[in-house]
PDB file of N, CA and C in Angstrom:
ATOM      1  N   UNK A   1     100.989  93.868 122.308  1.00  0.00           N
ATOM      2  CA  UNK A   1     100.621  94.851 121.268  1.00  0.00           C
ATOM      3  C   UNK A   1     101.303  95.991 121.573  1.00  0.00           C
ATOM      4  N   UNK A   2     101.657  96.755 120.442  1.00  0.00           N
ATOM      5  CA  UNK A   2     102.779  97.949 120.294  1.00  0.00           C
ATOM      6  C   UNK A   2     102.118  99.313 120.829  1.00  0.00           C
ATOM      7  N   UNK A   3     102.196 100.108 121.609  1.00  0.00           N
ATOM      8  CA  UNK A   3     102.490 100.918 121.863  1.00  0.00           C
ATOM      9  C   UNK A   3     101.878 102.127 121.220  1.00  0.00           C
ATOM     10  N   UNK A   4     101.091 103.278 121.149  1.00  0.00           N
ATOM     11  CA  UNK A   4     100.497 104.668 120.460  1.00  0.00           C
ATOM     12  C   UNK A   4     101.854 104.553 120.081  1.00  0.00           C
ATOM     13  N   UNK A   5     102.325 105.029 118.340  1.00  0.00           N
ATOM     14  CA  UNK A   5     103.312 105.455 118.145  1.00  0.00           C
ATOM     15  C   UNK A   5     104.341 104.894 117.044  1.00  0.00           C
ATOM     16  N   UNK A   6     104.166 103.998 117.724  1.00  0.00           N
ATOM     17  CA  UNK A   6     104.773 102.821 117.573  1.00  0.00           C
ATOM     18  C   UNK A   6     105.516 101.986 116.415  1.00  0.00           C
ATOM     19  N   UNK A   7     106.248 102.119 115.847  1.00  0.00           N
ATOM     20  CA  UNK A   7     106.271 101.326 114.807  1.00  0.00           C
ATOM     21  C   UNK A   7     105.603  99.332 114.253  1.00  0.00           C
ATOM     22  N   UNK A   8     105.315  99.362 113.198  1.00  0.00           N
ATOM     23  CA  UNK A   8     104.715  97.836 113.132  1.00  0.00           C
ATOM     24  C   UNK A   8     104.818  97.570 111.757  1.00  0.00           C
ATOM     25  N   UNK A   9     105.165  96.058 111.967  1.00  0.00           N
ATOM     26  CA  UNK A   9     105.322  95.802 110.626  1.00  0.00           C
ATOM     27  C   UNK A   9     104.826  94.634 110.026  1.00  0.00           C
ATOM     28  N   UNK A  10     105.019  94.283 108.840  1.00  0.00           N
ATOM     29  CA  UNK A  10     104.180  92.853 108.142  1.00  0.00           C
ATOM     30  C   UNK A  10     105.103  92.252 107.552  1.00  0.00           C
ATOM     31  N   UNK A  11     105.442  91.297 107.696  1.00  0.00           N
ATOM     32  CA  UNK A  11     106.299  90.242 107.126  1.00  0.00           C
ATOM     33  C   UNK A  11     105.901  89.164 106.488  1.00  0.00           C
ATOM     34  N   UNK A  12     106.556  88.792 105.259  1.00  0.00           N
ATOM     35  CA  UNK A  12     105.712  87.351 104.913  1.00  0.00           C
ATOM     36  C   UNK A  12     106.827  87.266 103.944  1.00  0.00           C
ATOM     37  N   UNK A  13     107.056  85.764 104.645  1.00  0.00           N
ATOM     38  CA  UNK A  13     108.404  84.916 103.650  1.00  0.00           C
ATOM     39  C   UNK A  13     107.758  83.572 103.290  1.00  0.00           C
ATOM     40  N   UNK A  14     108.070  82.822 102.370  1.00  0.00           N
ATOM     41  CA  UNK A  14     107.907  81.340 101.428  1.00  0.00           C
ATOM     42  C   UNK A  14     108.900  81.232 101.906  1.00  0.00           C
ATOM     43  N   UNK A  15     108.925  79.272 103.117  1.00  0.00           N
ATOM     44  CA  UNK A  15     109.822  78.566 103.428  1.00  0.00           C
ATOM     45  C   UNK A  15     109.580  77.224 102.862  1.00  0.00           C
ATOM     46  N   UNK A  16     109.770  76.354 101.943  1.00  0.00           N
ATOM     47  CA  UNK A  16     109.170  75.632 101.697  1.00  0.00           C
ATOM     48  C   UNK A  16     110.158  74.328 102.420  1.00  0.00           C
ATOM     49  N   UNK A  17     109.330  73.624 102.580  1.00  0.00           N
ATOM     50  CA  UNK A  17     110.637  72.106 102.922  1.00  0.00           C
ATOM     51  C   UNK A  17     111.334  71.808 101.611  1.00  0.00           C
ATOM     52  N   UNK A  18     111.939  70.970 102.486  1.00  0.00           N
ATOM     53  CA  UNK A  18     112.989  70.456 100.817  1.00  0.00           C
ATOM     54  C   UNK A  18     112.182  69.602  99.080  1.00  0.00           C
ATOM     55  N   UNK A  19     111.097  68.530  99.853  1.00  0.00           N
ATOM     56  CA  UNK A  19     110.596  68.011  98.873  1.00  0.00           C
ATOM     57  C   UNK A  19     109.652  68.974  97.783  1.00  0.00           C
ATOM     58  N   UNK A  20     108.721  69.955  98.539  1.00  0.00           N
ATOM     59  CA  UNK A  20     108.557  71.132  97.763  1.00  0.00           C
ATOM     60  C   UNK A  20     108.517  71.949  97.063  1.00  0.00           C
ATOM     61  N   UNK A  21     110.240  72.129  97.371  1.00  0.00           N
ATOM     62  CA  UNK A  21     111.124  73.262  97.254  1.00  0.00           C
ATOM     63  C   UNK A  21     111.263  72.867  95.786  1.00  0.00           C
ATOM     64  N   UNK A  22     111.802  71.440  95.970  1.00  0.00           N
ATOM     65  CA  UNK A  22     112.075  70.792  93.935  1.00  0.00           C
ATOM     66  C   UNK A  22     110.687  70.932  93.393  1.00  0.00           C
ATOM     67  N   UNK A  23     109.549  70.649  93.580  1.00  0.00           N
ATOM     68  CA  UNK A  23     108.568  70.035  93.134  1.00  0.00           C
ATOM     69  C   UNK A  23     107.417  71.552  92.698  1.00  0.00           C
ATOM     70  N   UNK A  24     107.229  72.282  93.750  1.00  0.00           N
ATOM     71  CA  UNK A  24     106.306  73.225  93.223  1.00  0.00           C
ATOM     72  C   UNK A  24     106.407  75.082  93.828  1.00  0.00           C
ATOM     73  N   UNK A  25     107.592  75.197  93.532  1.00  0.00           N
ATOM     74  CA  UNK A  25     108.071  76.323  94.397  1.00  0.00           C
ATOM     75  C   UNK A  25     107.262  77.904  93.646  1.00  0.00           C
ATOM     76  N   UNK A  26     107.046  77.223  92.429  1.00  0.00           N
ATOM     77  CA  UNK A  26     106.161  78.513  91.767  1.00  0.00           C
ATOM     78  C   UNK A  26     105.100  79.335  91.647  1.00  0.00           C
ATOM     79  N   UNK A  27     104.245  77.892  92.312  1.00  0.00           N
ATOM     80  CA  UNK A  27     103.079  78.036  92.614  1.00  0.00           C
ATOM     81  C   UNK A  27     102.785  78.303  94.491  1.00  0.00           C
ATOM     82  N   UNK A  28     103.435  77.932  94.739  1.00  0.00           N
ATOM     83  CA  UNK A  28     103.520  78.238  96.196  1.00  0.00           C
ATOM     84  C   UNK A  28     103.395  79.648  96.375  1.00  0.00           C
ATOM     85  N   UNK A  29     104.603  80.120  95.616  1.00  0.00           N
ATOM     86  CA  UNK A  29     104.828  81.736  95.488  1.00  0.00           C
ATOM     87  C   UNK A  29     104.078  82.640  95.092  1.00  0.00           C
ATOM     88  N   UNK A  30     103.078  81.903  93.631  1.00  0.00           N
ATOM     89  CA  UNK A  30     102.038  82.599  93.930  1.00  0.00           C
ATOM     90  C   UNK A  30     100.736  82.958  94.402  1.00  0.00           C
ATOM     91  N   UNK A  31     100.397  81.761  95.692  1.00  0.00           N
ATOM     92  CA  UNK A  31      99.390  82.204  96.598  1.00  0.00           C
ATOM     93  C   UNK A  31     100.176  82.629  97.850  1.00  0.00           C
ATOM     94  N   UNK A  32     101.312  82.354  98.108  1.00  0.00           N
ATOM     95  CA  UNK A  32     101.483  83.471  98.843  1.00  0.00           C
ATOM     96  C   UNK A  32     101.130  84.639  98.643  1.00  0.00           C
ATOM     97  N   UNK A  33     101.688  85.096  97.802  1.00  0.00           N
ATOM     98  CA  UNK A  33     101.960  86.492  97.062  1.00  0.00           C
ATOM     99  C   UNK A  33     100.076  87.022  97.130  1.00  0.00           C
ATOM    100  N   UNK A  34      99.502  86.053  96.063  1.00  0.00           N
ATOM    101  CA  UNK A  34      98.111  87.049  96.952  1.00  0.00           C
ATOM    102  C   UNK A  34      97.733  87.213  98.168  1.00  0.00           C
ATOM    103  N   UNK A  35      98.380  86.276  98.644  1.00  0.00           N
ATOM    104  CA  UNK A  35      97.356  86.352  99.980  1.00  0.00           C
ATOM    105  C   UNK A  35      98.304  87.698 100.936  1.00  0.00           C
ATOM    106  N   UNK A  36      99.287  87.586 100.641  1.00  0.00           N
ATOM    107  CA  UNK A  36     100.046  88.683 101.170  1.00  0.00           C
ATOM    108  C   UNK A  36      99.421  90.249 100.584  1.00  0.00           C
ATOM    109  N   UNK A  37      99.368  90.596  99.250  1.00  0.00           N
ATOM    110  CA  UNK A  37      98.537  91.225  98.792  1.00  0.00           C
ATOM    111  C   UNK A  37      97.175  91.501  99.391  1.00  0.00           C
ATOM    112  N   UNK A  38      96.527  90.368  99.115  1.00  0.00           N
ATOM    113  CA  UNK A  38      95.147  91.177 100.074  1.00  0.00           C
ATOM    114  C   UNK A  38      95.019  91.179 101.009  1.00  0.00           C
ATOM    115  N   UNK A  39      96.247  90.509 102.188  1.00  0.00           N
ATOM    116  CA  UNK A  39      95.958  90.974 103.341  1.00  0.00           C
ATOM    117  C   UNK A  39      96.606  92.547 104.104  1.00  0.00           C
ATOM    118  N   UNK A  40      97.681  92.920 102.589  1.00  0.00           N
ATOM    119  CA  UNK A  40      97.684  94.159 102.615  1.00  0.00           C
ATOM    120  C   UNK A  40      96.600  95.612 102.712  1.00  0.00           C
ATOM    121  N   UNK A  41      96.362  94.649 101.568  1.00  0.00           N
ATOM    122  CA  UNK A  41      95.530  95.192 101.186  1.00  0.00           C
ATOM    123  C   UNK A  41      93.820  96.026 101.944  1.00  0.00           C
ATOM    124  N   UNK A  42      93.740  95.036 103.049  1.00  0.00           N
ATOM    125  CA  UNK A  42      92.423  95.407 103.699  1.00  0.00           C
ATOM    126  C   UNK A  42      92.864  95.678 105.070  1.00  0.00           C
ATOM    127  N   UNK A  43      94.446  95.975 105.374  1.00  0.00           N
ATOM    128  CA  UNK A  43      94.863  96.650 106.287  1.00  0.00           C
ATOM    129  C   UNK A  43      95.875  97.946 106.287  1.00  0.00           C
ATOM    130  N   UNK A  44      96.186  97.944 105.166  1.00  0.00           N
ATOM    131  CA  UNK A  44      96.882  99.135 104.809  1.00  0.00           C
ATOM    132  C   UNK A  44      96.735 100.993 105.376  1.00  0.00           C
ATOM    133  N   UNK A  45      95.310  99.862 105.745  1.00  0.00           N
ATOM    134  CA  UNK A  45      95.020 101.796 106.719  1.00  0.00           C
ATOM    135  C   UNK A  45      95.206 101.757 107.951  1.00  0.00           C
ATOM    136  N   UNK A  46      95.531 100.448 108.470  1.00  0.00           N
ATOM    137  CA  UNK A  46      94.769 100.419 109.932  1.00  0.00           C
ATOM    138  C   UNK A  46      96.624 100.226 110.227  1.00  0.00           C
ATOM    139  N   UNK A  47      97.002  99.274 109.382  1.00  0.00           N
ATOM    140  CA  UNK A  47      98.722  98.676 110.120  1.00  0.00           C
ATOM    141  C   UNK A  47      99.489  99.411 109.191  1.00  0.00           C
ATOM    142  N   UNK A  48     100.514 100.342 109.710  1.00  0.00           N
ATOM    143  CA  UNK A  48     101.120 101.314 109.020  1.00  0.00           C
ATOM    144  C   UNK A  48     102.462 100.825 109.570  1.00  0.00           C
ATOM    145  N   UNK A  49     103.655 100.848 108.800  1.00  0.00           N
ATOM    146  CA  UNK A  49     105.149 100.479 108.773  1.00  0.00           C
ATOM    147  C   UNK A  49     105.998  99.719 107.935  1.00  0.00           C
ATOM    148  N   UNK A  50     106.406  99.039 108.504  1.00  0.00           N
ATOM    149  CA  UNK A  50     107.124  98.054 107.379  1.00  0.00           C
ATOM    150  C   UNK A  50     106.286  97.239 107.037  1.00  0.00           C
ATOM    151  N   UNK A  51     107.203  96.705 105.439  1.00  0.00           N
ATOM    152  CA  UNK A  51     106.261  95.977 104.849  1.00  0.00           C
ATOM    153  C   UNK A  51     107.930  95.016 103.644  1.00  0.00           C
ATOM    154  N   UNK A  52     107.482  93.595 104.523  1.00  0.00           N
ATOM    155  CA  UNK A  52     109.049  92.842 103.924  1.00  0.00           C
ATOM    156  C   UNK A  52     108.148  91.893 103.165  1.00  0.00           C
ATOM    157  N   UNK A  53     108.179  91.334 102.339  1.00  0.00           N
ATOM    158  CA  UNK A  53     108.160  89.963 101.658  1.00  0.00           C
ATOM    159  C   UNK A  53     109.469  89.541  99.941  1.00  0.00           C
ATOM    160  N   UNK A  54     108.898  88.325 100.495  1.00  0.00           N
ATOM    161  CA  UNK A  54     110.195  87.874  99.728  1.00  0.00           C
ATOM    162  C   UNK A  54     109.353  87.714  97.965  1.00  0.00           C
ATOM    163  N   UNK A  55     109.836  88.156  97.597  1.00  0.00           N
ATOM    164  CA  UNK A  55     109.457  87.875  95.988  1.00  0.00           C
ATOM    165  C   UNK A  55     108.574  89.058  95.122  1.00  0.00           C
ATOM    166  N   UNK A  56     109.097  89.966  95.878  1.00  0.00           N
ATOM    167  CA  UNK A  56     108.262  91.278  95.655  1.00  0.00           C
ATOM    168  C   UNK A  56     107.950  91.087  94.634  1.00  0.00           C
ATOM    169  N   UNK A  57     108.182  90.923  93.661  1.00  0.00           N
ATOM    170  CA  UNK A  57     108.150  91.409  92.212  1.00  0.00           C
ATOM    171  C   UNK A  57     106.898  90.350  91.654  1.00  0.00           C
ATOM    172  N   UNK A  58     106.679  89.883  92.407  1.00  0.00           N
ATOM    173  CA  UNK A  58     104.917  88.728  92.315  1.00  0.00           C
ATOM    174  C   UNK A  58     104.547  89.538  92.734  1.00  0.00           C
ATOM    175  N   UNK A  59     104.072  89.823  93.491  1.00  0.00           N
ATOM    176  CA  UNK A  59     103.131  90.714  94.579  1.00  0.00           C
ATOM    177  C   UNK A  59     102.451  92.211  94.169  1.00  0.00           C
ATOM    178  N   UNK A  60     101.730  92.458  94.810  1.00  0.00           N
ATOM    179  CA  UNK A  60     100.970  93.884  94.601  1.00  0.00           C
ATOM    180  C   UNK A  60     101.291  94.978  95.595  1.00  0.00           C
ATOM    181  N   UNK A  61     102.140  94.224  96.718  1.00  0.00           N
ATOM    182  CA  UNK A  61     102.161  94.935  98.188  1.00  0.00           C
ATOM    183  C   UNK A  61     102.533  96.190  97.664  1.00  0.00           C
ATOM    184  N   UNK A  62     103.528  96.899  97.069  1.00  0.00           N
ATOM    185  CA  UNK A  62     103.918  97.780  96.795  1.00  0.00           C
ATOM    186  C   UNK A  62     103.032  98.557  95.572  1.00  0.00           C
ATOM    187  N   UNK A  63     102.478  98.804  95.158  1.00  0.00           N
ATOM    188  CA  UNK A  63     101.191  99.945  94.516  1.00  0.00           C
ATOM    189  C   UNK A  63     100.075  99.897  95.721  1.00  0.00           C
ATOM    190  N   UNK A  64      99.660  99.039  96.395  1.00  0.00           N
ATOM    191  CA  UNK A  64      98.566  98.989  97.836  1.00  0.00           C
ATOM    192  C   UNK A  64      99.359  99.671  98.579  1.00  0.00           C
ATOM    193  N   UNK A  65     100.366  99.782  98.981  1.00  0.00           N
ATOM    194  CA  UNK A  65     101.162 100.645  99.863  1.00  0.00           C
ATOM    195  C   UNK A  65     101.542 102.180  99.653  1.00  0.00           C
ATOM    196  N   UNK A  66     101.280 101.902  98.041  1.00  0.00           N
ATOM    197  CA  UNK A  66     101.662 103.758  97.770  1.00  0.00           C
ATOM    198  C   UNK A  66     100.355 104.469  97.666  1.00  0.00           C
ATOM    199  N   UNK A  67      99.134 103.003  97.035  1.00  0.00           N
ATOM    200  CA  UNK A  67      97.798 103.880  97.221  1.00  0.00           C
ATOM    201  C   UNK A  67      97.176 104.347  98.492  1.00  0.00           C
ATOM    202  N   UNK A  68      97.710 103.118 100.153  1.00  0.00           N
ATOM    203  CA  UNK A  68      97.220 103.467 100.654  1.00  0.00           C
ATOM    204  C   UNK A  68      98.249 104.740 101.361  1.00  0.00           C
ATOM    205  N   UNK A  69      99.342 105.004 101.580  1.00  0.00           N
ATOM    206  CA  UNK A  69      99.695 106.553 101.918  1.00  0.00           C
ATOM    207  C   UNK A  69      99.078 107.548 101.212  1.00  0.00           C
ATOM    208  N   UNK A  70      98.466 107.760  99.498  1.00  0.00           N
ATOM    209  CA  UNK A  70      98.009 108.820  99.470  1.00  0.00           C
ATOM    210  C   UNK A  70      96.726 108.645  99.994  1.00  0.00           C
ATOM    211  N   UNK A  71      96.591 108.104 100.327  1.00  0.00           N
ATOM    212  CA  UNK A  71      94.648 108.147 100.814  1.00  0.00           C
ATOM    213  C   UNK A  71      95.387 108.797 102.757  1.00  0.00           C
ATOM    214  N   UNK A  72      95.904 108.339 102.842  1.00  0.00           N
ATOM    215  CA  UNK A  72      96.100 108.623 104.630  1.00  0.00           C
ATOM    216  C   UNK A  72      97.298 109.700 104.628  1.00  0.00           C
ATOM    217  N   UNK A  73      97.401 110.272 103.440  1.00  0.00           N
ATOM    218  CA  UNK A  73      97.988 111.940 103.508  1.00  0.00           C
ATOM    219  C   UNK A  73      96.947 112.810 103.345  1.00  0.00           C
ATOM    220  N   UNK A  74      95.826 111.991 101.972  1.00  0.00           N
ATOM    221  CA  UNK A  74      94.812 113.231 101.984  1.00  0.00           C
ATOM    222  C   UNK A  74      93.603 113.066 103.208  1.00  0.00           C
ATOM    223  N   UNK A  75      93.765 112.226 103.955  1.00  0.00           N
ATOM    224  CA  UNK A  75      92.763 112.405 105.446  1.00  0.00           C
ATOM    225  C   UNK A  75      93.747 112.635 106.667  1.00  0.00           C
ATOM    226  N   UNK A  76      95.088 113.458 106.269  1.00  0.00           N
ATOM    227  CA  UNK A  76      95.940 113.481 107.597  1.00  0.00           C
ATOM    228  C   UNK A  76      96.112 112.362 108.374  1.00  0.00           C
ATOM    229  N   UNK A  77      96.313 111.432 108.438  1.00  0.00           N
ATOM    230  CA  UNK A  77      96.088 110.407 109.297  1.00  0.00           C
ATOM    231  C   UNK A  77      96.757 109.558 109.207  1.00  0.00           C
ATOM    232  N   UNK A  78      98.165 110.036 109.969  1.00  0.00           N
ATOM    233  CA  UNK A  78      99.053 108.967 110.395  1.00  0.00           C
ATOM    234  C   UNK A  78      99.805 108.228 111.586  1.00  0.00           C
ATOM    235  N   UNK A  79      98.471 107.648 111.880  1.00  0.00           N
ATOM    236  CA  UNK A  79      98.659 107.256 113.670  1.00  0.00           C
ATOM    237  C   UNK A  79      98.052 106.059 113.387  1.00  0.00           C
ATOM    238  N   UNK A  80      98.236 105.449 114.421  1.00  0.00           N
ATOM    239  CA  UNK A  80      97.668 104.337 114.095  1.00  0.00           C
ATOM    240  C   UNK A  80      95.692 103.803 114.527  1.00  0.00           C
ATOM    241  N   UNK A  81      95.256 104.017 113.946  1.00  0.00           N
ATOM    242  CA  UNK A  81      93.662 103.693 113.647  1.00  0.00           C
ATOM    243  C   UNK A  81      93.253 102.057 114.431  1.00  0.00           C
ATOM    244  N   UNK A  82      93.745 101.156 114.552  1.00  0.00           N
ATOM    245  CA  UNK A  82      93.619 100.376 115.765  1.00  0.00           C
ATOM    246  C   UNK A  82      95.132  99.260 115.487  1.00  0.00           C
ATOM    247  N   UNK A  83      95.321  98.056 116.486  1.00  0.00           N
ATOM    248  CA  UNK A  83      96.309  98.029 116.439  1.00  0.00           C
ATOM    249  C   UNK A  83      96.739  96.922 116.167  1.00  0.00           C
ATOM    250  N   UNK A  84      97.233  96.280 114.879  1.00  0.00           N
ATOM    251  CA  UNK A  84      97.658  95.036 114.290  1.00  0.00           C
ATOM    252  C   UNK A  84      97.683  94.127 114.981  1.00  0.00           C
ATOM    253  N   UNK A  85      97.195  92.960 115.058  1.00  0.00           N
ATOM    254  CA  UNK A  85      96.875  91.687 115.010  1.00  0.00           C
ATOM    255  C   UNK A  85      97.833  90.530 114.887  1.00  0.00           C
ATOM    256  N   UNK A  86      98.241  89.597 115.316  1.00  0.00           N
ATOM    257  CA  UNK A  86      98.820  88.947 114.552  1.00  0.00           C
ATOM    258  C   UNK A  86      97.799  87.485 114.076  1.00  0.00           C
ATOM    259  N   UNK A  87      98.284  87.264 113.267  1.00  0.00           N
ATOM    260  CA  UNK A  87      97.015  86.166 112.297  1.00  0.00           C
ATOM    261  C   UNK A  87      98.486  85.058 112.393  1.00  0.00           C
ATOM    262  N   UNK A  88      97.849  83.855 112.034  1.00  0.00           N
ATOM    263  CA  UNK A  88      98.259  82.028 112.119  1.00  0.00           C
ATOM    264  C   UNK A  88      97.760  81.740 110.369  1.00  0.00           C
ATOM    265  N   UNK A  89      97.904  81.522 109.401  1.00  0.00           N
ATOM    266  CA  UNK A  89      97.472  80.676 108.300  1.00  0.00           C
ATOM    267  C   UNK A  89      98.866  79.953 107.578  1.00  0.00           C
ATOM    268  N   UNK A  90      97.886  78.458 107.778  1.00  0.00           N
ATOM    269  CA  UNK A  90      98.650  77.272 107.330  1.00  0.00           C
ATOM    270  C   UNK A  90     100.022  77.530 108.255  1.00  0.00           C
ATOM    271  N   UNK A  91     100.192  77.251 109.962  1.00  0.00           N
ATOM    272  CA  UNK A  91     101.218  77.345 110.426  1.00  0.00           C
ATOM    273  C   UNK A  91     102.346  78.752 110.164  1.00  0.00           C
ATOM    274  N   UNK A  92     101.990  79.666 109.319  1.00  0.00           N
ATOM    275  CA  UNK A  92     102.524  80.843 109.153  1.00  0.00           C
ATOM    276  C   UNK A  92     102.037  81.736 109.532  1.00  0.00           C
ATOM    277  N   UNK A  93     102.617  82.770 110.877  1.00  0.00           N
ATOM    278  CA  UNK A  93     102.167  83.428 111.257  1.00  0.00           C
ATOM    279  C   UNK A  93     102.378  85.057 110.289  1.00  0.00           C
ATOM    280  N   UNK A  94     100.889  85.465 110.602  1.00  0.00           N
ATOM    281  CA  UNK A  94     100.494  87.054 109.696  1.00  0.00           C
ATOM    282  C   UNK A  94     100.883  87.882 110.814  1.00  0.00           C
ATOM    283  N   UNK A  95     101.665  89.179 110.531  1.00  0.00           N
ATOM    284  CA  UNK A  95     101.082  90.390 111.153  1.00  0.00           C
ATOM    285  C   UNK A  95     100.680  90.890 110.583  1.00  0.00           C
TER     286      UNK A  95
END
């Protein structure tokens, strides 16, 4: 667990194996982008810090984080409300 005041990061990337890369990378990217956007939307006030994704033009993470930062600024709440935990989805680790 991170210590109080330490930055946390949310990172998501799409790393398909060779056959899937040739066949259906666009559908996989859309699926991952949706999941990443929803994850950040659910935790944007609780998990602050750095957000890094592949295919950022296909997800809504930037808009979600802007809205979350505006809300946090209005609440004057720039500390960790609770710690971020690591999540695993389909053999991928989500933080």
